[in-house]
Amino acid sequence: MASALLSLPLTCSQGKEAIVYGAYKRSVFCKTRLYSKRFVGSKSICVHQSFIVVASMVGRKEKKTDIVIPEPDYRIPVVLLGIAGGFVYLDNLLPAATTGLLGLLLLFQTTRVRFIFDDEALEVRIGEQLQESGENIFVGGKNRWRYSTFVNWEFWWPQFPILVYFKETQTKPEGQIHFFPVIFNGKQLYDVMVERAGPSKTSGPK
């Protein structure tokens, strides 16, 4: 944030006071600590030939939207792996293998896939370093979609969210549908979607 000091071209002694406040903020959605500075004000007071000149300036705080990264949630892959174990116990090997492979895939994806919500778009990134995820292998284009292009979005199911759906017109004018397994904290994901993309037709997770 830019700040400036007001100076007076007077040939007299000057007393200047500037106050800068710094505050740590912690997002309810992620563990990242954000540091912001707010310029409160400065005063320059000069006494010259029996009069007092007081000049003050107050800087305005820049309004910025925090970047939100919902925390990973391992419940869905753990449940799938538990179901696979149940199929193995019942000697149903084919459904056990199918369910187990899906559970392992989602477990792997939960450790690496991140949803990044910035001030204008939702973006999918990979790994702790938040590397770009590249081209979308199904519909093409970058895995980044502006909130202004969202037509609708839904949660299935609010009590135990499994899938998140949204439709956007950025990829193609007639609209493109996306489905993602909810491998993130459902409450955090729902809240930031409401904030950035507008209300959904479904109720939020309890």
C-alpha atoms as a PDB file:
ATOM      1  CA  MET A   1       0.000   0.000   0.000  1.00  0.00           C
ATOM      2  CA  ALA A   2       1.396   3.330  -1.004  1.00  0.00           C
ATOM      3  CA  SER A   3       1.707   6.040   1.602  1.00  0.00           C
ATOM      4  CA  ALA A   4       2.890   9.648   1.474  1.00  0.00           C
ATOM      5  CA  LEU A   5       3.946  12.319   3.967  1.00  0.00           C
ATOM      6  CA  LEU A   6       2.749  15.909   3.744  1.00  0.00           C
ATOM      7  CA  SER A   7       5.564  18.453   3.968  1.00  0.00           C
ATOM      8  CA  LEU A   8       5.239  22.223   4.488  1.00  0.00           C
ATOM      9  CA  PRO A   9       7.824  24.592   2.964  1.00  0.00           C
ATOM     10  CA  LEU A  10       8.185  26.726   6.091  1.00  0.00           C
ATOM     11  CA  THR A  11      11.449  27.848   7.628  1.00  0.00           C
ATOM     12  CA  CYS A  12      10.601  26.801  11.125  1.00  0.00           C
ATOM     13  CA  SER A  13      10.983  23.859  13.462  1.00  0.00           C
ATOM     14  CA  GLN A  14       8.641  20.965  12.626  1.00  0.00           C
ATOM     15  CA  GLY A  15       7.300  18.082  14.680  1.00  0.00           C
ATOM     16  CA  LYS A  16       6.080  15.135  12.636  1.00  0.00           C
ATOM     17  CA  GLU A  17       4.139  12.118  13.768  1.00  0.00           C
ATOM     18  CA  ALA A  18       3.299   9.149  11.585  1.00  0.00           C
ATOM     19  CA  ILE A  19       1.520   6.028  12.755  1.00  0.00           C
ATOM     20  CA  VAL A  20       1.555   2.787  10.824  1.00  0.00           C
ATOM     21  CA  TYR A  21      -0.405  -0.167  12.115  1.00  0.00           C
ATOM     22  CA  GLY A  22       0.358  -3.741  11.067  1.00  0.00           C
ATOM     23  CA  ALA A  23      -2.057  -6.559  11.791  1.00  0.00           C
ATOM     24  CA  TYR A  24      -1.964 -10.257  11.256  1.00  0.00           C
ATOM     25  CA  LYS A  25      -5.095 -11.790   9.793  1.00  0.00           C
ATOM     26  CA  ARG A  26      -5.953 -15.461   9.796  1.00  0.00           C
ATOM     27  CA  SER A  27      -8.443 -16.678   7.191  1.00  0.00           C
ATOM     28  CA  VAL A  28     -11.114 -19.038   8.517  1.00  0.00           C
ATOM     29  CA  PHE A  29     -10.611 -21.149   5.416  1.00  0.00           C
ATOM     30  CA  CYS A  30      -6.869 -21.687   5.355  1.00  0.00           C
ATOM     31  CA  LYS A  31      -3.791 -21.610   7.547  1.00  0.00           C
ATOM     32  CA  THR A  32      -1.996 -18.875   5.628  1.00  0.00           C
ATOM     33  CA  ARG A  33      -1.246 -15.782   7.699  1.00  0.00           C
ATOM     34  CA  LEU A  34      -1.785 -12.578   5.795  1.00  0.00           C
ATOM     35  CA  TYR A  35       0.079  -9.435   6.793  1.00  0.00           C
ATOM     36  CA  SER A  36      -1.466  -6.112   5.999  1.00  0.00           C
ATOM     37  CA  LYS A  37      -0.483  -2.563   6.825  1.00  0.00           C
ATOM     38  CA  ARG A  38      -2.863   0.310   7.265  1.00  0.00           C
ATOM     39  CA  PHE A  39      -1.584   3.881   7.074  1.00  0.00           C
ATOM     40  CA  VAL A  40      -3.472   5.828   9.694  1.00  0.00           C
ATOM     41  CA  GLY A  41      -2.139   9.320   9.396  1.00  0.00           C
ATOM     42  CA  SER A  42       0.598  11.849   9.741  1.00  0.00           C
ATOM     43  CA  LYS A  43       0.736  15.305  11.299  1.00  0.00           C
ATOM     44  CA  SER A  44       3.043  18.180  10.614  1.00  0.00           C
ATOM     45  CA  ILE A  45       2.803  21.052  13.112  1.00  0.00           C
ATOM     46  CA  CYS A  46       4.684  24.321  12.658  1.00  0.00           C
ATOM     47  CA  VAL A  47       4.665  27.421  14.824  1.00  0.00           C
ATOM     48  CA  HIS A  48       5.569  30.572  12.878  1.00  0.00           C
ATOM     49  CA  GLN A  49       4.932  34.190  13.946  1.00  0.00           C
ATOM     50  CA  SER A  50       2.186  33.417  16.472  1.00  0.00           C
ATOM     51  CA  PHE A  51       0.086  31.163  14.281  1.00  0.00           C
ATOM     52  CA  ILE A  52      -0.218  27.408  14.118  1.00  0.00           C
ATOM     53  CA  VAL A  53      -0.455  25.479  10.904  1.00  0.00           C
ATOM     54  CA  VAL A  54      -1.767  21.982  11.266  1.00  0.00           C
ATOM     55  CA  ALA A  55      -1.763  19.709   8.245  1.00  0.00           C
ATOM     56  CA  SER A  56      -2.964  16.160   8.359  1.00  0.00           C
ATOM     57  CA  MET A  57      -3.566  13.459   5.869  1.00  0.00           C
ATOM     58  CA  VAL A  58      -5.261  10.125   6.338  1.00  0.00           C
ATOM     59  CA  GLY A  59      -4.461   7.340   3.913  1.00  0.00           C
ATOM     60  CA  ARG A  60      -7.240   5.012   2.897  1.00  0.00           C
ATOM     61  CA  LYS A  61      -6.926   1.270   3.311  1.00  0.00           C
ATOM     62  CA  GLU A  62      -6.861  -0.671   0.089  1.00  0.00           C
ATOM     63  CA  LYS A  63      -9.723  -3.112  -0.167  1.00  0.00           C
ATOM     64  CA  LYS A  64      -8.461  -6.519  -1.240  1.00  0.00           C
ATOM     65  CA  THR A  65     -10.120  -9.893  -1.323  1.00  0.00           C
ATOM     66  CA  ASP A  66      -8.209 -12.620   0.468  1.00  0.00           C
ATOM     67  CA  ILE A  67      -7.067 -15.694  -1.414  1.00  0.00           C
ATOM     68  CA  VAL A  68      -8.914 -18.677   0.050  1.00  0.00           C
ATOM     69  CA  ILE A  69      -7.702 -22.289  -0.113  1.00  0.00           C
ATOM     70  CA  PRO A  70     -10.144 -24.767   1.487  1.00  0.00           C
ATOM     71  CA  GLU A  71      -8.448 -27.426   3.608  1.00  0.00           C
ATOM     72  CA  PRO A  72      -8.259 -31.005   2.260  1.00  0.00           C
ATOM     73  CA  ASP A  73     -10.816 -33.488   3.576  1.00  0.00           C
ATOM     74  CA  TYR A  74     -10.065 -37.245   3.457  1.00  0.00           C
ATOM     75  CA  ARG A  75     -13.490 -38.552   4.449  1.00  0.00           C
ATOM     76  CA  ILE A  76     -14.641 -39.652   0.988  1.00  0.00           C
ATOM     77  CA  PRO A  77     -11.513 -41.680   0.101  1.00  0.00           C
ATOM     78  CA  VAL A  78     -11.457 -43.221   3.598  1.00  0.00           C
ATOM     79  CA  VAL A  79     -15.122 -44.244   3.288  1.00  0.00           C
ATOM     80  CA  LEU A  80     -14.488 -45.758  -0.151  1.00  0.00           C
ATOM     81  CA  LEU A  81     -11.503 -47.714   1.118  1.00  0.00           C
ATOM     82  CA  GLY A  82     -13.615 -48.928   4.042  1.00  0.00           C
ATOM     83  CA  ILE A  83     -16.330 -50.115   1.645  1.00  0.00           C
ATOM     84  CA  ALA A  84     -13.682 -51.873  -0.433  1.00  0.00           C
ATOM     85  CA  GLY A  85     -12.471 -53.634   2.701  1.00  0.00           C
ATOM     86  CA  GLY A  86     -16.050 -54.736   3.383  1.00  0.00           C
ATOM     87  CA  PHE A  87     -16.324 -56.200  -0.131  1.00  0.00           C
ATOM     88  CA  VAL A  88     -13.067 -58.085   0.398  1.00  0.00           C
ATOM     89  CA  TYR A  89     -14.434 -59.506   3.651  1.00  0.00           C
ATOM     90  CA  LEU A  90     -17.532 -60.701   1.761  1.00  0.00           C
ATOM     91  CA  ASP A  91     -15.298 -62.150  -0.955  1.00  0.00           C
ATOM     92  CA  ASN A  92     -16.696 -59.793  -3.632  1.00  0.00           C
ATOM     93  CA  LEU A  93     -13.371 -59.076  -5.299  1.00  0.00           C
ATOM     94  CA  LEU A  94     -14.527 -57.202  -8.412  1.00  0.00           C
ATOM     95  CA  PRO A  95     -16.488 -54.454  -6.595  1.00  0.00           C
ATOM     96  CA  ALA A  96     -13.744 -54.423  -3.950  1.00  0.00           C
ATOM     97  CA  ALA A  97     -11.099 -53.720  -6.606  1.00  0.00           C
ATOM     98  CA  THR A  98     -13.217 -51.035  -8.318  1.00  0.00           C
ATOM     99  CA  THR A  99     -14.111 -49.243  -5.093  1.00  0.00           C
ATOM    100  CA  GLY A 100     -10.593 -49.589  -3.714  1.00  0.00           C
ATOM    101  CA  LEU A 101      -8.982 -48.113  -6.832  1.00  0.00           C
ATOM    102  CA  LEU A 102     -11.396 -45.168  -6.754  1.00  0.00           C
ATOM    103  CA  GLY A 103     -10.638 -44.636  -3.071  1.00  0.00           C
ATOM    104  CA  LEU A 104      -6.887 -44.702  -3.696  1.00  0.00           C
ATOM    105  CA  LEU A 105      -7.224 -42.267  -6.600  1.00  0.00           C
ATOM    106  CA  LEU A 106      -9.227 -39.800  -4.528  1.00  0.00           C
ATOM    107  CA  LEU A 107      -6.809 -40.230  -1.617  1.00  0.00           C
ATOM    108  CA  PHE A 108      -3.927 -39.315  -3.926  1.00  0.00           C
ATOM    109  CA  GLN A 109      -5.832 -36.362  -5.392  1.00  0.00           C
ATOM    110  CA  THR A 110      -6.737 -35.070  -1.936  1.00  0.00           C
ATOM    111  CA  THR A 111      -3.046 -34.765  -1.080  1.00  0.00           C
ATOM    112  CA  ARG A 112      -2.225 -32.725  -4.181  1.00  0.00           C
ATOM    113  CA  VAL A 113      -5.229 -30.911  -5.714  1.00  0.00           C
ATOM    114  CA  ARG A 114      -6.139 -27.479  -4.346  1.00  0.00           C
ATOM    115  CA  PHE A 115      -8.951 -25.063  -5.156  1.00  0.00           C
ATOM    116  CA  ILE A 116      -7.674 -21.476  -5.168  1.00  0.00           C
ATOM    117  CA  PHE A 117     -10.272 -18.726  -4.800  1.00  0.00           C
ATOM    118  CA  ASP A 118      -8.818 -15.308  -5.613  1.00  0.00           C
ATOM    119  CA  ASP A 119     -10.663 -12.030  -6.146  1.00  0.00           C
ATOM    120  CA  GLU A 120     -11.907 -12.878  -9.645  1.00  0.00           C
ATOM    121  CA  ALA A 121     -11.717 -16.610 -10.350  1.00  0.00           C
ATOM    122  CA  LEU A 122     -11.602 -20.195  -9.133  1.00  0.00           C
ATOM    123  CA  GLU A 123      -8.448 -22.034 -10.167  1.00  0.00           C
ATOM    124  CA  VAL A 124      -7.283 -25.618  -9.726  1.00  0.00           C
ATOM    125  CA  ARG A 125      -3.622 -25.945  -8.739  1.00  0.00           C
ATOM    126  CA  ILE A 126      -1.378 -28.859  -7.827  1.00  0.00           C
ATOM    127  CA  GLY A 127       0.903 -29.651  -4.886  1.00  0.00           C
ATOM    128  CA  GLU A 128       2.254 -27.736  -1.922  1.00  0.00           C
ATOM    129  CA  GLN A 129       3.914 -25.244  -4.269  1.00  0.00           C
ATOM    130  CA  LEU A 130       0.550 -24.603  -5.960  1.00  0.00           C
ATOM    131  CA  GLN A 131       1.817 -25.267  -9.456  1.00  0.00           C
ATOM    132  CA  GLU A 132      -0.435 -24.713 -12.465  1.00  0.00           C
ATOM    133  CA  SER A 133      -2.515 -27.758 -13.385  1.00  0.00           C
ATOM    134  CA  GLY A 134      -2.161 -27.219 -17.139  1.00  0.00           C
ATOM    135  CA  GLU A 135      -4.833 -27.886 -19.765  1.00  0.00           C
ATOM    136  CA  ASN A 136      -8.133 -29.467 -18.807  1.00  0.00           C
ATOM    137  CA  ILE A 137      -7.908 -32.969 -20.295  1.00  0.00           C
ATOM    138  CA  PHE A 138     -11.682 -33.225 -20.892  1.00  0.00           C
ATOM    139  CA  VAL A 139     -12.795 -29.862 -22.292  1.00  0.00           C
ATOM    140  CA  GLY A 140      -9.524 -28.026 -22.918  1.00  0.00           C
ATOM    141  CA  GLY A 141      -8.481 -24.620 -21.672  1.00  0.00           C
ATOM    142  CA  LYS A 142      -6.902 -23.576 -18.414  1.00  0.00           C
ATOM    143  CA  ASN A 143      -8.364 -24.842 -15.135  1.00  0.00           C
ATOM    144  CA  ARG A 144      -9.315 -21.312 -14.103  1.00  0.00           C
ATOM    145  CA  TRP A 145     -12.855 -19.961 -14.329  1.00  0.00           C
ATOM    146  CA  ARG A 146     -14.066 -16.423 -13.581  1.00  0.00           C
ATOM    147  CA  TYR A 147     -16.944 -16.133 -11.111  1.00  0.00           C
ATOM    148  CA  SER A 148     -18.707 -13.727 -13.482  1.00  0.00           C
ATOM    149  CA  THR A 149     -19.163 -16.609 -15.970  1.00  0.00           C
ATOM    150  CA  PHE A 150     -20.820 -18.971 -13.475  1.00  0.00           C
ATOM    151  CA  VAL A 151     -24.407 -19.803 -14.441  1.00  0.00           C
ATOM    152  CA  ASN A 152     -25.178 -22.047 -11.482  1.00  0.00           C
ATOM    153  CA  TRP A 153     -23.522 -24.322  -8.963  1.00  0.00           C
ATOM    154  CA  GLU A 154     -24.760 -27.064  -6.620  1.00  0.00           C
ATOM    155  CA  PHE A 155     -23.670 -29.318  -3.752  1.00  0.00           C
ATOM    156  CA  TRP A 156     -24.584 -33.022  -3.460  1.00  0.00           C
ATOM    157  CA  TRP A 157     -25.377 -33.606  -0.661  1.00  0.00           C
ATOM    158  CA  PRO A 158     -25.292 -30.747   1.844  1.00  0.00           C
ATOM    159  CA  GLN A 159     -25.112 -32.931   4.975  1.00  0.00           C
ATOM    160  CA  PHE A 160     -22.191 -34.950   3.610  1.00  0.00           C
ATOM    161  CA  PRO A 161     -21.063 -33.219   0.391  1.00  0.00           C
ATOM    162  CA  ILE A 162     -19.754 -35.674  -2.192  1.00  0.00           C
ATOM    163  CA  LEU A 163     -19.915 -33.724  -5.453  1.00  0.00           C
ATOM    164  CA  VAL A 164     -19.736 -30.042  -6.334  1.00  0.00           C
ATOM    165  CA  TYR A 165     -21.122 -28.997  -9.706  1.00  0.00           C
ATOM    166  CA  PHE A 166     -20.897 -25.715 -11.557  1.00  0.00           C
ATOM    167  CA  LYS A 167     -21.730 -24.489 -15.034  1.00  0.00           C
ATOM    168  CA  GLU A 168     -19.771 -21.675 -16.664  1.00  0.00           C
ATOM    169  CA  THR A 169     -19.815 -19.875 -20.025  1.00  0.00           C
ATOM    170  CA  GLN A 170     -16.103 -19.083 -20.179  1.00  0.00           C
ATOM    171  CA  THR A 171     -15.108 -22.377 -21.849  1.00  0.00           C
ATOM    172  CA  LYS A 172     -17.930 -22.233 -24.376  1.00  0.00           C
ATOM    173  CA  PRO A 173     -20.810 -19.748 -24.795  1.00  0.00           C
ATOM    174  CA  GLU A 174     -23.574 -22.328 -24.457  1.00  0.00           C
ATOM    175  CA  GLY A 175     -22.167 -23.352 -21.069  1.00  0.00           C
ATOM    176  CA  GLN A 176     -19.767 -25.996 -19.807  1.00  0.00           C
ATOM    177  CA  ILE A 177     -20.568 -28.286 -16.866  1.00  0.00           C
ATOM    178  CA  HIS A 178     -17.918 -29.373 -14.341  1.00  0.00           C
ATOM    179  CA  PHE A 179     -18.124 -31.984 -11.571  1.00  0.00           C
ATOM    180  CA  PHE A 180     -15.558 -32.341  -8.797  1.00  0.00           C
ATOM    181  CA  PRO A 181     -15.508 -34.710  -5.823  1.00  0.00           C
ATOM    182  CA  VAL A 182     -15.595 -32.742  -2.577  1.00  0.00           C
ATOM    183  CA  ILE A 183     -12.126 -33.637  -1.307  1.00  0.00           C
ATOM    184  CA  PHE A 184     -12.016 -30.338   0.591  1.00  0.00           C
ATOM    185  CA  ASN A 185     -13.673 -29.104   3.773  1.00  0.00           C
ATOM    186  CA  GLY A 186     -17.309 -28.924   2.651  1.00  0.00           C
ATOM    187  CA  LYS A 187     -18.324 -26.019   4.924  1.00  0.00           C
ATOM    188  CA  GLN A 188     -15.339 -23.926   3.864  1.00  0.00           C
ATOM    189  CA  LEU A 189     -15.906 -24.712   0.191  1.00  0.00           C
ATOM    190  CA  TYR A 190     -19.609 -23.869   0.380  1.00  0.00           C
ATOM    191  CA  ASP A 191     -19.048 -20.582   2.221  1.00  0.00           C
ATOM    192  CA  VAL A 192     -16.448 -19.279  -0.222  1.00  0.00           C
ATOM    193  CA  MET A 193     -18.551 -20.359  -3.221  1.00  0.00           C
ATOM    194  CA  VAL A 194     -21.507 -18.383  -1.843  1.00  0.00           C
ATOM    195  CA  GLU A 195     -19.266 -15.377  -1.210  1.00  0.00           C
ATOM    196  CA  ARG A 196     -17.544 -15.360  -4.599  1.00  0.00           C
ATOM    197  CA  ALA A 197     -20.050 -16.989  -7.001  1.00  0.00           C
ATOM    198  CA  GLY A 198     -23.401 -16.089  -5.438  1.00  0.00           C
ATOM    199  CA  PRO A 199     -26.019 -18.266  -3.719  1.00  0.00           C
ATOM    200  CA  SER A 200     -26.716 -21.847  -4.712  1.00  0.00           C
ATOM    201  CA  LYS A 201     -30.102 -23.524  -4.974  1.00  0.00           C
ATOM    202  CA  THR A 202     -29.001 -26.052  -2.367  1.00  0.00           C
ATOM    203  CA  SER A 203     -28.630 -25.412   1.337  1.00  0.00           C
ATOM    204  CA  GLY A 204     -25.188 -25.353   2.903  1.00  0.00           C
ATOM    205  CA  PRO A 205     -23.519 -28.183   4.810  1.00  0.00           C
ATOM    206  CA  LYS A 206     -24.373 -28.313   8.489  1.00  0.00           C
END
